[in-house]
Amino acid sequence: MTKTAVVALGGNALTRAGQSGTCDEMLANAAAMASAVHAVIEAGWRVVIVHGNGPQIGNLALQQEGTPWCRPSRCRC
C-alpha cells in the first residue's frame, strides 16, 4: 500500500521566522518547499497539499478589522 503524506503549506512556510515576507524570500521558500515535496514523491509517497492558513490570512483579517468602512457589504465598486 502506498503511503500518503498530507502537507500543509501556508504562510508560515512561505515567510519564515526572521524574514520580512518579501517576494524574493517567498519565492525562495516556495522553491525549497517544492524541492522537499518532490523528494517525498520520489521516495514513493502520495502527497496531498493543503493550505496551512498561515499569518497572511490573519494579517488580512486584522487589516479588514482596521477598515470597517470598506467591508464588502458597505462598499460599492
Protein backbone atom coordinates (compact mmCIF):
# COMPACT_ATOMS: atom_id res chain seq x y z
CA MET A 1 0.00 0.00 0.00
CA THR A 2 1.29 3.46 -0.92
CA LYS A 3 1.83 5.82 1.96
CA THR A 4 0.14 9.22 1.85
CA ALA A 5 1.61 12.42 3.28
CA VAL A 6 -0.60 15.42 3.93
CA VAL A 7 1.48 18.58 3.66
CA ALA A 8 0.09 21.89 4.89
CA LEU A 9 1.71 24.74 3.00
CA GLY A 10 0.73 28.21 4.05
CA GLY A 11 2.11 31.49 5.21
CA ASN A 12 4.47 30.14 7.85
CA ALA A 13 6.13 28.04 5.17
CA LEU A 14 6.33 30.98 2.78
CA THR A 15 7.63 33.51 5.29
CA ARG A 16 9.97 32.03 7.85
CA ALA A 17 10.98 33.36 11.25
CA GLY A 18 13.18 36.42 10.93
CA GLN A 19 12.06 37.19 7.39
CA SER A 20 10.03 40.21 6.36
CA GLY A 21 7.99 38.43 3.68
CA THR A 22 9.47 39.98 0.56
CA CYS A 23 8.62 38.48 -2.80
CA ASP A 24 12.18 37.18 -3.21
CA GLU A 25 12.07 35.48 0.20
CA MET A 26 8.72 33.86 -0.53
CA LEU A 27 9.84 32.67 -3.97
CA ALA A 28 12.99 31.11 -2.50
CA ASN A 29 10.96 29.44 0.26
CA ALA A 30 8.41 28.16 -2.27
CA ALA A 31 11.22 26.65 -4.37
CA ALA A 32 12.63 24.93 -1.26
CA MET A 33 9.15 23.56 -0.42
CA ALA A 34 8.67 22.29 -3.96
CA SER A 35 12.02 20.52 -3.81
CA ALA A 36 11.15 18.90 -0.47
CA VAL A 37 7.72 17.76 -1.70
CA HIS A 38 9.31 16.39 -4.87
CA ALA A 39 11.74 14.33 -2.77
CA VAL A 40 8.81 12.84 -0.83
CA ILE A 41 7.06 11.93 -4.09
CA GLU A 42 10.26 10.43 -5.49
CA ALA A 43 10.52 8.32 -2.33
CA GLY A 44 7.23 6.69 -3.33
CA TRP A 45 4.72 8.62 -1.26
CA ARG A 46 1.47 10.11 -2.48
CA VAL A 47 1.29 13.76 -1.46
CA VAL A 48 -1.79 15.81 -0.67
CA ILE A 49 -1.07 19.51 -0.35
CA VAL A 50 -3.46 21.63 1.70
CA HIS A 51 -3.45 25.27 2.67
CA GLY A 52 -1.79 25.91 6.01
CA ASN A 53 -3.64 29.17 6.76
CA GLY A 54 -0.52 30.96 7.95
CA PRO A 55 -0.07 34.52 9.14
CA GLN A 56 -1.08 36.16 5.86
CA ILE A 57 -4.72 35.16 6.47
CA GLY A 58 -4.61 36.58 9.99
CA ASN A 59 -2.96 39.75 8.73
CA LEU A 60 -5.70 40.22 6.15
CA ALA A 61 -8.36 39.74 8.83
CA LEU A 62 -6.69 42.35 11.04
CA GLN A 63 -6.41 44.69 8.08
CA GLN A 64 -10.13 44.36 7.38
CA GLU A 65 -10.98 44.98 11.03
CA GLY A 66 -8.93 48.17 10.84
CA THR A 67 -11.01 49.46 7.93
CA PRO A 68 -14.66 48.86 8.87
CA TRP A 69 -15.83 51.43 6.33
CA CYS A 70 -14.72 49.17 3.49
CA ARG A 71 -16.42 45.90 4.20
CA PRO A 72 -17.86 44.16 1.12
CA SER A 73 -21.39 44.74 2.42
CA ARG A 74 -20.72 48.50 2.61
CA CYS A 75 -18.57 49.13 -0.46
CA ARG A 76 -19.88 49.89 -3.89
CA CYS A 77 -17.24 49.26 -6.51
